[in-house]
Amino acid sequence: PVEQQGRMTHRQILEALSGMLLAMFVAFLSSTVVSNALPTIIT
């Protein structure tokens, strides 16, 4: 388990990163998806 490791393997890091990267994708997507819509929204 990760809690018992001094260093994670490459596979474990990629697995752990999957959820975090998707979370970042949600944040950036939800931010940038508005940028081109703003002129329409404000109008």
ModelCIF file with pLDDT and N, C-alpha, C, O atoms, coordinates in Angstrom:
data_MODEL
#
_entry.id   MODEL 
#
_entity.id                         1 
_entity.type                       polymer 
_entity.pdbx_number_of_molecules   1 
#
_entity_poly.entity_id                      1 
_entity_poly.type                           'polypeptide(L)' 
_entity_poly.nstd_linkage                   no 
_entity_poly.nstd_monomer                   no 
_entity_poly.pdbx_seq_one_letter_code       PVEQQGRMTHRQILEALSGMLLAMFVAFLSSTVVSNALPTIIT 
_entity_poly.pdbx_seq_one_letter_code_can   PVEQQGRMTHRQILEALSGMLLAMFVAFLSSTVVSNALPTIIT 
_entity_poly.pdbx_strand_id                 A 
#
loop_
_entity_poly_seq.entity_id 
_entity_poly_seq.num 
_entity_poly_seq.mon_id 
_entity_poly_seq.hetero 
1 1  PRO n 
1 2  VAL n 
1 3  GLU n 
1 4  GLN n 
1 5  GLN n 
1 6  GLY n 
1 7  ARG n 
1 8  MET n 
1 9  THR n 
1 10 HIS n 
1 11 ARG n 
1 12 GLN n 
1 13 ILE n 
1 14 LEU n 
1 15 GLU n 
1 16 ALA n 
1 17 LEU n 
1 18 SER n 
1 19 GLY n 
1 20 MET n 
1 21 LEU n 
1 22 LEU n 
1 23 ALA n 
1 24 MET n 
1 25 PHE n 
1 26 VAL n 
1 27 ALA n 
1 28 PHE n 
1 29 LEU n 
1 30 SER n 
1 31 SER n 
1 32 THR n 
1 33 VAL n 
1 34 VAL n 
1 35 SER n 
1 36 ASN n 
1 37 ALA n 
1 38 LEU n 
1 39 PRO n 
1 40 THR n 
1 41 ILE n 
1 42 ILE n 
1 43 THR n 
#
_struct_asym.id          A 
_struct_asym.entity_id   1 
#
loop_
_ma_qa_metric.id 
_ma_qa_metric.mode 
_ma_qa_metric.name 
_ma_qa_metric.software_group_id 
_ma_qa_metric.type 
1 global pLDDT . pLDDT 
2 local  pLDDT . pLDDT 
#
_ma_qa_metric_global.metric_id      1 
_ma_qa_metric_global.metric_value   71.14 
_ma_qa_metric_global.model_id       1 
_ma_qa_metric_global.ordinal_id     1 
#
loop_
_ma_qa_metric_local.label_asym_id 
_ma_qa_metric_local.label_comp_id 
_ma_qa_metric_local.label_seq_id 
_ma_qa_metric_local.metric_id 
_ma_qa_metric_local.metric_value 
_ma_qa_metric_local.model_id 
_ma_qa_metric_local.ordinal_id 
A PRO 1  2 41.00 1 1  
A VAL 2  2 39.00 1 2  
A GLU 3  2 38.00 1 3  
A GLN 4  2 36.00 1 4  
A GLN 5  2 38.00 1 5  
A GLY 6  2 40.00 1 6  
A ARG 7  2 56.00 1 7  
A MET 8  2 64.00 1 8  
A THR 9  2 70.00 1 9  
A HIS 10 2 72.00 1 10 
A ARG 11 2 77.00 1 11 
A GLN 12 2 75.00 1 12 
A ILE 13 2 79.00 1 13 
A LEU 14 2 80.00 1 14 
A GLU 15 2 78.00 1 15 
A ALA 16 2 78.00 1 16 
A LEU 17 2 82.00 1 17 
A SER 18 2 81.00 1 18 
A GLY 19 2 81.00 1 19 
A MET 20 2 82.00 1 20 
A LEU 21 2 84.00 1 21 
A LEU 22 2 84.00 1 22 
A ALA 23 2 82.00 1 23 
A MET 24 2 80.00 1 24 
A PHE 25 2 83.00 1 25 
A VAL 26 2 79.00 1 26 
A ALA 27 2 75.00 1 27 
A PHE 28 2 74.00 1 28 
A LEU 29 2 78.00 1 29 
A SER 30 2 73.00 1 30 
A SER 31 2 69.00 1 31 
A THR 32 2 70.00 1 32 
A VAL 33 2 76.00 1 33 
A VAL 34 2 76.00 1 34 
A SER 35 2 68.00 1 35 
A ASN 36 2 67.00 1 36 
A ALA 37 2 76.00 1 37 
A LEU 38 2 77.00 1 38 
A PRO 39 2 77.00 1 39 
A THR 40 2 80.00 1 40 
A ILE 41 2 83.00 1 41 
A ILE 42 2 82.00 1 42 
A THR 43 2 79.00 1 43 
#
loop_
_atom_site.group_PDB 
_atom_site.id 
_atom_site.type_symbol 
_atom_site.label_atom_id 
_atom_site.label_alt_id 
_atom_site.label_comp_id 
_atom_site.label_asym_id 
_atom_site.label_entity_id 
_atom_site.label_seq_id 
_atom_site.pdbx_PDB_ins_code 
_atom_site.Cartn_x 
_atom_site.Cartn_y 
_atom_site.Cartn_z 
_atom_site.occupancy 
_atom_site.B_iso_or_equiv 
_atom_site.pdbx_formal_charge 
_atom_site.auth_seq_id 
_atom_site.auth_comp_id 
_atom_site.auth_asym_id 
_atom_site.auth_atom_id 
_atom_site.pdbx_PDB_model_num 
ATOM 1   N N  . PRO A 1 1  ? 0.831   -1.202 0.000   1.00 41.00 ? 1  PRO A N  1 
ATOM 2   C CA . PRO A 1 1  ? 0.000   0.000  0.000   1.00 41.00 ? 1  PRO A CA 1 
ATOM 3   C C  . PRO A 1 1  ? 0.863   1.247  0.000   1.00 41.00 ? 1  PRO A C  1 
ATOM 4   O O  . PRO A 1 1  ? 2.005   1.244  0.459   1.00 41.00 ? 1  PRO A O  1 
ATOM 5   N N  . VAL A 1 2  ? 0.288   2.300  -0.523  1.00 39.00 ? 2  VAL A N  1 
ATOM 6   C CA . VAL A 1 2  ? 1.057   3.538  -0.650  1.00 39.00 ? 2  VAL A CA 1 
ATOM 7   C C  . VAL A 1 2  ? 1.547   4.027  0.698   1.00 39.00 ? 2  VAL A C  1 
ATOM 8   O O  . VAL A 1 2  ? 2.663   4.536  0.803   1.00 39.00 ? 2  VAL A O  1 
ATOM 9   N N  . GLU A 1 3  ? 0.714   3.879  1.753   1.00 38.00 ? 3  GLU A N  1 
ATOM 10  C CA . GLU A 1 3  ? 1.102   4.374  3.066   1.00 38.00 ? 3  GLU A CA 1 
ATOM 11  C C  . GLU A 1 3  ? 2.357   3.700  3.591   1.00 38.00 ? 3  GLU A C  1 
ATOM 12  O O  . GLU A 1 3  ? 3.022   4.256  4.466   1.00 38.00 ? 3  GLU A O  1 
ATOM 13  N N  . GLN A 1 4  ? 2.713   2.490  3.075   1.00 36.00 ? 4  GLN A N  1 
ATOM 14  C CA . GLN A 1 4  ? 3.865   1.751  3.557   1.00 36.00 ? 4  GLN A CA 1 
ATOM 15  C C  . GLN A 1 4  ? 5.083   1.957  2.676   1.00 36.00 ? 4  GLN A C  1 
ATOM 16  O O  . GLN A 1 4  ? 6.145   1.396  2.943   1.00 36.00 ? 4  GLN A O  1 
ATOM 17  N N  . GLN A 1 5  ? 4.941   2.750  1.638   1.00 38.00 ? 5  GLN A N  1 
ATOM 18  C CA . GLN A 1 5  ? 6.027   2.877  0.687   1.00 38.00 ? 5  GLN A CA 1 
ATOM 19  C C  . GLN A 1 5  ? 6.837   4.139  0.910   1.00 38.00 ? 5  GLN A C  1 
ATOM 20  O O  . GLN A 1 5  ? 6.302   5.185  1.278   1.00 38.00 ? 5  GLN A O  1 
ATOM 21  N N  . GLY A 1 6  ? 8.124   4.023  0.684   1.00 40.00 ? 6  GLY A N  1 
ATOM 22  C CA . GLY A 1 6  ? 8.951   5.212  0.639   1.00 40.00 ? 6  GLY A CA 1 
ATOM 23  C C  . GLY A 1 6  ? 8.889   5.839  -0.732  1.00 40.00 ? 6  GLY A C  1 
ATOM 24  O O  . GLY A 1 6  ? 9.063   7.050  -0.873  1.00 40.00 ? 6  GLY A O  1 
ATOM 25  N N  . ARG A 1 7  ? 8.642   5.026  -1.746  1.00 56.00 ? 7  ARG A N  1 
ATOM 26  C CA . ARG A 1 7  ? 8.592   5.530  -3.123  1.00 56.00 ? 7  ARG A CA 1 
ATOM 27  C C  . ARG A 1 7  ? 7.562   4.733  -3.903  1.00 56.00 ? 7  ARG A C  1 
ATOM 28  O O  . ARG A 1 7  ? 7.560   3.503  -3.843  1.00 56.00 ? 7  ARG A O  1 
ATOM 29  N N  . MET A 1 8  ? 6.693   5.407  -4.629  1.00 64.00 ? 8  MET A N  1 
ATOM 30  C CA . MET A 1 8  ? 5.651   4.751  -5.411  1.00 64.00 ? 8  MET A CA 1 
ATOM 31  C C  . MET A 1 8  ? 6.211   4.318  -6.758  1.00 64.00 ? 8  MET A C  1 
ATOM 32  O O  . MET A 1 8  ? 7.121   4.945  -7.299  1.00 64.00 ? 8  MET A O  1 
ATOM 33  N N  . THR A 1 9  ? 5.650   3.233  -7.290  1.00 70.00 ? 9  THR A N  1 
ATOM 34  C CA . THR A 1 9  ? 6.060   2.790  -8.618  1.00 70.00 ? 9  THR A CA 1 
ATOM 35  C C  . THR A 1 9  ? 5.427   3.696  -9.676  1.00 70.00 ? 9  THR A C  1 
ATOM 36  O O  . THR A 1 9  ? 4.501   4.458  -9.397  1.00 70.00 ? 9  THR A O  1 
ATOM 37  N N  . HIS A 1 10 ? 5.955   3.590  -10.896 1.00 72.00 ? 10 HIS A N  1 
ATOM 38  C CA . HIS A 1 10 ? 5.443   4.406  -11.996 1.00 72.00 ? 10 HIS A CA 1 
ATOM 39  C C  . HIS A 1 10 ? 3.961   4.125  -12.231 1.00 72.00 ? 10 HIS A C  1 
ATOM 40  O O  . HIS A 1 10 ? 3.181   5.046  -12.473 1.00 72.00 ? 10 HIS A O  1 
ATOM 41  N N  . ARG A 1 11 ? 3.577   2.856  -12.158 1.00 77.00 ? 11 ARG A N  1 
ATOM 42  C CA . ARG A 1 11 ? 2.176   2.495  -12.381 1.00 77.00 ? 11 ARG A CA 1 
ATOM 43  C C  . ARG A 1 11 ? 1.280   3.075  -11.296 1.00 77.00 ? 11 ARG A C  1 
ATOM 44  O O  . ARG A 1 11 ? 0.198   3.583  -11.589 1.00 77.00 ? 11 ARG A O  1 
ATOM 45  N N  . GLN A 1 12 ? 1.725   3.001  -10.040 1.00 75.00 ? 12 GLN A N  1 
ATOM 46  C CA . GLN A 1 12 ? 0.928   3.532  -8.940  1.00 75.00 ? 12 GLN A CA 1 
ATOM 47  C C  . GLN A 1 12 ? 0.773   5.049  -9.045  1.00 75.00 ? 12 GLN A C  1 
ATOM 48  O O  . GLN A 1 12 ? -0.283  5.599  -8.734  1.00 75.00 ? 12 GLN A O  1 
ATOM 49  N N  . ILE A 1 13 ? 1.830   5.708  -9.482  1.00 79.00 ? 13 ILE A N  1 
ATOM 50  C CA . ILE A 1 13 ? 1.760   7.158  -9.662  1.00 79.00 ? 13 ILE A CA 1 
ATOM 51  C C  . ILE A 1 13 ? 0.751   7.508  -10.748 1.00 79.00 ? 13 ILE A C  1 
ATOM 52  O O  . ILE A 1 13 ? -0.054  8.424  -10.583 1.00 79.00 ? 13 ILE A O  1 
ATOM 53  N N  . LEU A 1 14 ? 0.797   6.773  -11.863 1.00 80.00 ? 14 LEU A N  1 
ATOM 54  C CA . LEU A 1 14 ? -0.135  7.050  -12.959 1.00 80.00 ? 14 LEU A CA 1 
ATOM 55  C C  . LEU A 1 14 ? -1.575  6.809  -12.520 1.00 80.00 ? 14 LEU A C  1 
ATOM 56  O O  . LEU A 1 14 ? -2.470  7.573  -12.879 1.00 80.00 ? 14 LEU A O  1 
ATOM 57  N N  . GLU A 1 15 ? -1.801  5.747  -11.744 1.00 78.00 ? 15 GLU A N  1 
ATOM 58  C CA . GLU A 1 15 ? -3.153  5.468  -11.256 1.00 78.00 ? 15 GLU A CA 1 
ATOM 59  C C  . GLU A 1 15 ? -3.630  6.586  -10.337 1.00 78.00 ? 15 GLU A C  1 
ATOM 60  O O  . GLU A 1 15 ? -4.772  7.035  -10.432 1.00 78.00 ? 15 GLU A O  1 
ATOM 61  N N  . ALA A 1 16 ? -2.741  7.034  -9.443  1.00 78.00 ? 16 ALA A N  1 
ATOM 62  C CA . ALA A 1 16 ? -3.118  8.095  -8.521  1.00 78.00 ? 16 ALA A CA 1 
ATOM 63  C C  . ALA A 1 16 ? -3.343  9.418  -9.244  1.00 78.00 ? 16 ALA A C  1 
ATOM 64  O O  . ALA A 1 16 ? -4.191  10.221 -8.856  1.00 78.00 ? 16 ALA A O  1 
ATOM 65  N N  . LEU A 1 17 ? -2.562  9.628  -10.309 1.00 82.00 ? 17 LEU A N  1 
ATOM 66  C CA . LEU A 1 17 ? -2.697  10.870 -11.057 1.00 82.00 ? 17 LEU A CA 1 
ATOM 67  C C  . LEU A 1 17 ? -3.977  10.919 -11.883 1.00 82.00 ? 17 LEU A C  1 
ATOM 68  O O  . LEU A 1 17 ? -4.454  12.006 -12.209 1.00 82.00 ? 17 LEU A O  1 
ATOM 69  N N  . SER A 1 18 ? -4.544  9.762  -12.228 1.00 81.00 ? 18 SER A N  1 
ATOM 70  C CA . SER A 1 18 ? -5.690  9.742  -13.143 1.00 81.00 ? 18 SER A CA 1 
ATOM 71  C C  . SER A 1 18 ? -6.847  10.587 -12.619 1.00 81.00 ? 18 SER A C  1 
ATOM 72  O O  . SER A 1 18 ? -7.405  11.404 -13.352 1.00 81.00 ? 18 SER A O  1 
ATOM 73  N N  . GLY A 1 19 ? -7.208  10.391 -11.346 1.00 81.00 ? 19 GLY A N  1 
ATOM 74  C CA . GLY A 1 19 ? -8.305  11.168 -10.787 1.00 81.00 ? 19 GLY A CA 1 
ATOM 75  C C  . GLY A 1 19 ? -7.961  12.641 -10.647 1.00 81.00 ? 19 GLY A C  1 
ATOM 76  O O  . GLY A 1 19 ? -8.799  13.508 -10.897 1.00 81.00 ? 19 GLY A O  1 
ATOM 77  N N  . MET A 1 20 ? -6.708  12.925 -10.240 1.00 82.00 ? 20 MET A N  1 
ATOM 78  C CA . MET A 1 20 ? -6.310  14.325 -10.061 1.00 82.00 ? 20 MET A CA 1 
ATOM 79  C C  . MET A 1 20 ? -6.268  15.067 -11.390 1.00 82.00 ? 20 MET A C  1 
ATOM 80  O O  . MET A 1 20 ? -6.698  16.217 -11.483 1.00 82.00 ? 20 MET A O  1 
ATOM 81  N N  . LEU A 1 21 ? -5.749  14.405 -12.415 1.00 84.00 ? 21 LEU A N  1 
ATOM 82  C CA . LEU A 1 21 ? -5.681  15.060 -13.720 1.00 84.00 ? 21 LEU A CA 1 
ATOM 83  C C  . LEU A 1 21 ? -7.075  15.292 -14.292 1.00 84.00 ? 21 LEU A C  1 
ATOM 84  O O  . LEU A 1 21 ? -7.326  16.311 -14.937 1.00 84.00 ? 21 LEU A O  1 
ATOM 85  N N  . LEU A 1 22 ? -7.986  14.340 -14.052 1.00 84.00 ? 22 LEU A N  1 
ATOM 86  C CA . LEU A 1 22 ? -9.363  14.545 -14.511 1.00 84.00 ? 22 LEU A CA 1 
ATOM 87  C C  . LEU A 1 22 ? -10.017 15.702 -13.750 1.00 84.00 ? 22 LEU A C  1 
ATOM 88  O O  . LEU A 1 22 ? -10.791 16.472 -14.318 1.00 84.00 ? 22 LEU A O  1 
ATOM 89  N N  . ALA A 1 23 ? -9.693  15.812 -12.450 1.00 82.00 ? 23 ALA A N  1 
ATOM 90  C CA . ALA A 1 23 ? -10.211 16.936 -11.671 1.00 82.00 ? 23 ALA A CA 1 
ATOM 91  C C  . ALA A 1 23 ? -9.693  18.260 -12.237 1.00 82.00 ? 23 ALA A C  1 
ATOM 92  O O  . ALA A 1 23 ? -10.448 19.225 -12.353 1.00 82.00 ? 23 ALA A O  1 
ATOM 93  N N  . MET A 1 24 ? -8.402  18.302 -12.588 1.00 80.00 ? 24 MET A N  1 
ATOM 94  C CA . MET A 1 24 ? -7.851  19.508 -13.190 1.00 80.00 ? 24 MET A CA 1 
ATOM 95  C C  . MET A 1 24 ? -8.499  19.770 -14.546 1.00 80.00 ? 24 MET A C  1 
ATOM 96  O O  . MET A 1 24 ? -8.741  20.920 -14.916 1.00 80.00 ? 24 MET A O  1 
ATOM 97  N N  . PHE A 1 25 ? -8.779  18.697 -15.285 1.00 83.00 ? 25 PHE A N  1 
ATOM 98  C CA . PHE A 1 25 ? -9.443  18.850 -16.582 1.00 83.00 ? 25 PHE A CA 1 
ATOM 99  C C  . PHE A 1 25 ? -10.814 19.489 -16.400 1.00 83.00 ? 25 PHE A C  1 
ATOM 100 O O  . PHE A 1 25 ? -11.208 20.366 -17.169 1.00 83.00 ? 25 PHE A O  1 
ATOM 101 N N  . VAL A 1 26 ? -11.541 19.039 -15.371 1.00 79.00 ? 26 VAL A N  1 
ATOM 102 C CA . VAL A 1 26 ? -12.854 19.625 -15.089 1.00 79.00 ? 26 VAL A CA 1 
ATOM 103 C C  . VAL A 1 26 ? -12.721 21.116 -14.806 1.00 79.00 ? 26 VAL A C  1 
ATOM 104 O O  . VAL A 1 26 ? -13.492 21.927 -15.319 1.00 79.00 ? 26 VAL A O  1 
ATOM 105 N N  . ALA A 1 27 ? -11.730 21.469 -13.979 1.00 75.00 ? 27 ALA A N  1 
ATOM 106 C CA . ALA A 1 27 ? -11.556 22.870 -13.601 1.00 75.00 ? 27 ALA A CA 1 
ATOM 107 C C  . ALA A 1 27 ? -11.212 23.732 -14.807 1.00 75.00 ? 27 ALA A C  1 
ATOM 108 O O  . ALA A 1 27 ? -11.825 24.777 -15.023 1.00 75.00 ? 27 ALA A O  1 
ATOM 109 N N  . PHE A 1 28 ? -10.236 23.298 -15.589 1.00 74.00 ? 28 PHE A N  1 
ATOM 110 C CA . PHE A 1 28 ? -9.821  24.092 -16.742 1.00 74.00 ? 28 PHE A CA 1 
ATOM 111 C C  . PHE A 1 28 ? -10.904 24.113 -17.821 1.00 74.00 ? 28 PHE A C  1 
ATOM 112 O O  . PHE A 1 28 ? -11.141 25.144 -18.449 1.00 74.00 ? 28 PHE A O  1 
ATOM 113 N N  . LEU A 1 29 ? -11.562 22.968 -18.033 1.00 78.00 ? 29 LEU A N  1 
ATOM 114 C CA . LEU A 1 29 ? -12.628 22.922 -19.030 1.00 78.00 ? 29 LEU A CA 1 
ATOM 115 C C  . LEU A 1 29 ? -13.760 23.875 -18.652 1.00 78.00 ? 29 LEU A C  1 
ATOM 116 O O  . LEU A 1 29 ? -14.242 24.648 -19.480 1.00 78.00 ? 29 LEU A O  1 
ATOM 117 N N  . SER A 1 30 ? -14.176 23.806 -17.383 1.00 73.00 ? 30 SER A N  1 
ATOM 118 C CA . SER A 1 30 ? -15.281 24.649 -16.955 1.00 73.00 ? 30 SER A CA 1 
ATOM 119 C C  . SER A 1 30 ? -14.913 26.129 -16.965 1.00 73.00 ? 30 SER A C  1 
ATOM 120 O O  . SER A 1 30 ? -15.790 26.989 -17.042 1.00 73.00 ? 30 SER A O  1 
ATOM 121 N N  . SER A 1 31 ? -13.618 26.427 -16.888 1.00 69.00 ? 31 SER A N  1 
ATOM 122 C CA . SER A 1 31 ? -13.173 27.815 -16.959 1.00 69.00 ? 31 SER A CA 1 
ATOM 123 C C  . SER A 1 31 ? -13.076 28.286 -18.401 1.00 69.00 ? 31 SER A C  1 
ATOM 124 O O  . SER A 1 31 ? -13.579 29.354 -18.751 1.00 69.00 ? 31 SER A O  1 
ATOM 125 N N  . THR A 1 32 ? -12.422 27.478 -19.240 1.00 70.00 ? 32 THR A N  1 
ATOM 126 C CA . THR A 1 32 ? -12.178 27.920 -20.617 1.00 70.00 ? 32 THR A CA 1 
ATOM 127 C C  . THR A 1 32 ? -13.417 27.802 -21.490 1.00 70.00 ? 32 THR A C  1 
ATOM 128 O O  . THR A 1 32 ? -13.530 28.505 -22.494 1.00 70.00 ? 32 THR A O  1 
ATOM 129 N N  . VAL A 1 33 ? -14.362 26.916 -21.120 1.00 76.00 ? 33 VAL A N  1 
ATOM 130 C CA . VAL A 1 33 ? -15.551 26.747 -21.942 1.00 76.00 ? 33 VAL A CA 1 
ATOM 131 C C  . VAL A 1 33 ? -16.390 28.021 -21.939 1.00 76.00 ? 33 VAL A C  1 
ATOM 132 O O  . VAL A 1 33 ? -17.200 28.241 -22.840 1.00 76.00 ? 33 VAL A O  1 
ATOM 133 N N  . VAL A 1 34 ? -16.191 28.862 -20.918 1.00 76.00 ? 34 VAL A N  1 
ATOM 134 C CA . VAL A 1 34 ? -16.958 30.099 -20.805 1.00 76.00 ? 34 VAL A CA 1 
ATOM 135 C C  . VAL A 1 34 ? -16.334 31.228 -21.623 1.00 76.00 ? 34 VAL A C  1 
ATOM 136 O O  . VAL A 1 34 ? -17.025 32.173 -22.002 1.00 76.00 ? 34 VAL A O  1 
ATOM 137 N N  . SER A 1 35 ? -15.025 31.135 -21.898 1.00 68.00 ? 35 SER A N  1 
ATOM 138 C CA . SER A 1 35 ? -14.309 32.271 -22.483 1.00 68.00 ? 35 SER A CA 1 
ATOM 139 C C  . SER A 1 35 ? -14.904 32.724 -23.813 1.00 68.00 ? 35 SER A C  1 
ATOM 140 O O  . SER A 1 35 ? -15.152 33.914 -24.006 1.00 68.00 ? 35 SER A O  1 
ATOM 141 N N  . ASN A 1 36 ? -15.132 31.797 -24.719 1.00 67.00 ? 36 ASN A N  1 
ATOM 142 C CA . ASN A 1 36 ? -15.701 32.174 -26.016 1.00 67.00 ? 36 ASN A CA 1 
ATOM 143 C C  . ASN A 1 36 ? -17.199 32.439 -25.947 1.00 67.00 ? 36 ASN A C  1 
ATOM 144 O O  . ASN A 1 36 ? -17.774 33.024 -26.864 1.00 67.00 ? 36 ASN A O  1 
ATOM 145 N N  . ALA A 1 37 ? -17.834 32.003 -24.847 1.00 76.00 ? 37 ALA A N  1 
ATOM 146 C CA . ALA A 1 37 ? -19.269 32.256 -24.699 1.00 76.00 ? 37 ALA A CA 1 
ATOM 147 C C  . ALA A 1 37 ? -19.546 33.608 -24.054 1.00 76.00 ? 37 ALA A C  1 
ATOM 148 O O  . ALA A 1 37 ? -20.668 34.109 -24.128 1.00 76.00 ? 37 ALA A O  1 
ATOM 149 N N  . LEU A 1 38 ? -18.535 34.204 -23.421 1.00 77.00 ? 38 LEU A N  1 
ATOM 150 C CA . LEU A 1 38 ? -18.765 35.442 -22.678 1.00 77.00 ? 38 LEU A CA 1 
ATOM 151 C C  . LEU A 1 38 ? -19.338 36.578 -23.526 1.00 77.00 ? 38 LEU A C  1 
ATOM 152 O O  . LEU A 1 38 ? -20.274 37.239 -23.076 1.00 77.00 ? 38 LEU A O  1 
ATOM 153 N N  . PRO A 1 39 ? -18.818 36.840 -24.738 1.00 77.00 ? 39 PRO A N  1 
ATOM 154 C CA . PRO A 1 39 ? -19.442 37.899 -25.539 1.00 77.00 ? 39 PRO A CA 1 
ATOM 155 C C  . PRO A 1 39 ? -20.938 37.669 -25.760 1.00 77.00 ? 39 PRO A C  1 
ATOM 156 O O  . PRO A 1 39 ? -21.730 38.609 -25.705 1.00 77.00 ? 39 PRO A O  1 
ATOM 157 N N  . THR A 1 40 ? -21.322 36.404 -26.011 1.00 80.00 ? 40 THR A N  1 
ATOM 158 C CA . THR A 1 40 ? -22.743 36.084 -26.190 1.00 80.00 ? 40 THR A CA 1 
ATOM 159 C C  . THR A 1 40 ? -23.514 36.250 -24.885 1.00 80.00 ? 40 THR A C  1 
ATOM 160 O O  . THR A 1 40 ? -24.625 36.781 -24.878 1.00 80.00 ? 40 THR A O  1 
ATOM 161 N N  . ILE A 1 41 ? -22.916 35.788 -23.769 1.00 83.00 ? 41 ILE A N  1 
ATOM 162 C CA . ILE A 1 41 ? -23.588 35.890 -22.470 1.00 83.00 ? 41 ILE A CA 1 
ATOM 163 C C  . ILE A 1 41 ? -23.836 37.354 -22.106 1.00 83.00 ? 41 ILE A C  1 
ATOM 164 O O  . ILE A 1 41 ? -24.944 37.725 -21.718 1.00 83.00 ? 41 ILE A O  1 
ATOM 165 N N  . ILE A 1 42 ? -22.797 38.181 -22.235 1.00 82.00 ? 42 ILE A N  1 
ATOM 166 C CA . ILE A 1 42 ? -22.926 39.593 -21.863 1.00 82.00 ? 42 ILE A CA 1 
ATOM 167 C C  . ILE A 1 42 ? -23.918 40.306 -22.777 1.00 82.00 ? 42 ILE A C  1 
ATOM 168 O O  . ILE A 1 42 ? -24.700 41.142 -22.322 1.00 82.00 ? 42 ILE A O  1 
ATOM 169 N N  . THR A 1 43 ? -23.882 39.976 -24.059 1.00 79.00 ? 43 THR A N  1 
ATOM 170 C CA . THR A 1 43 ? -24.839 40.595 -24.985 1.00 79.00 ? 43 THR A CA 1 
ATOM 171 C C  . THR A 1 43 ? -26.266 40.157 -24.671 1.00 79.00 ? 43 THR A C  1 
ATOM 172 O O  . THR A 1 43 ? -27.204 40.578 -25.347 1.00 79.00 ? 43 THR A O  1 
#
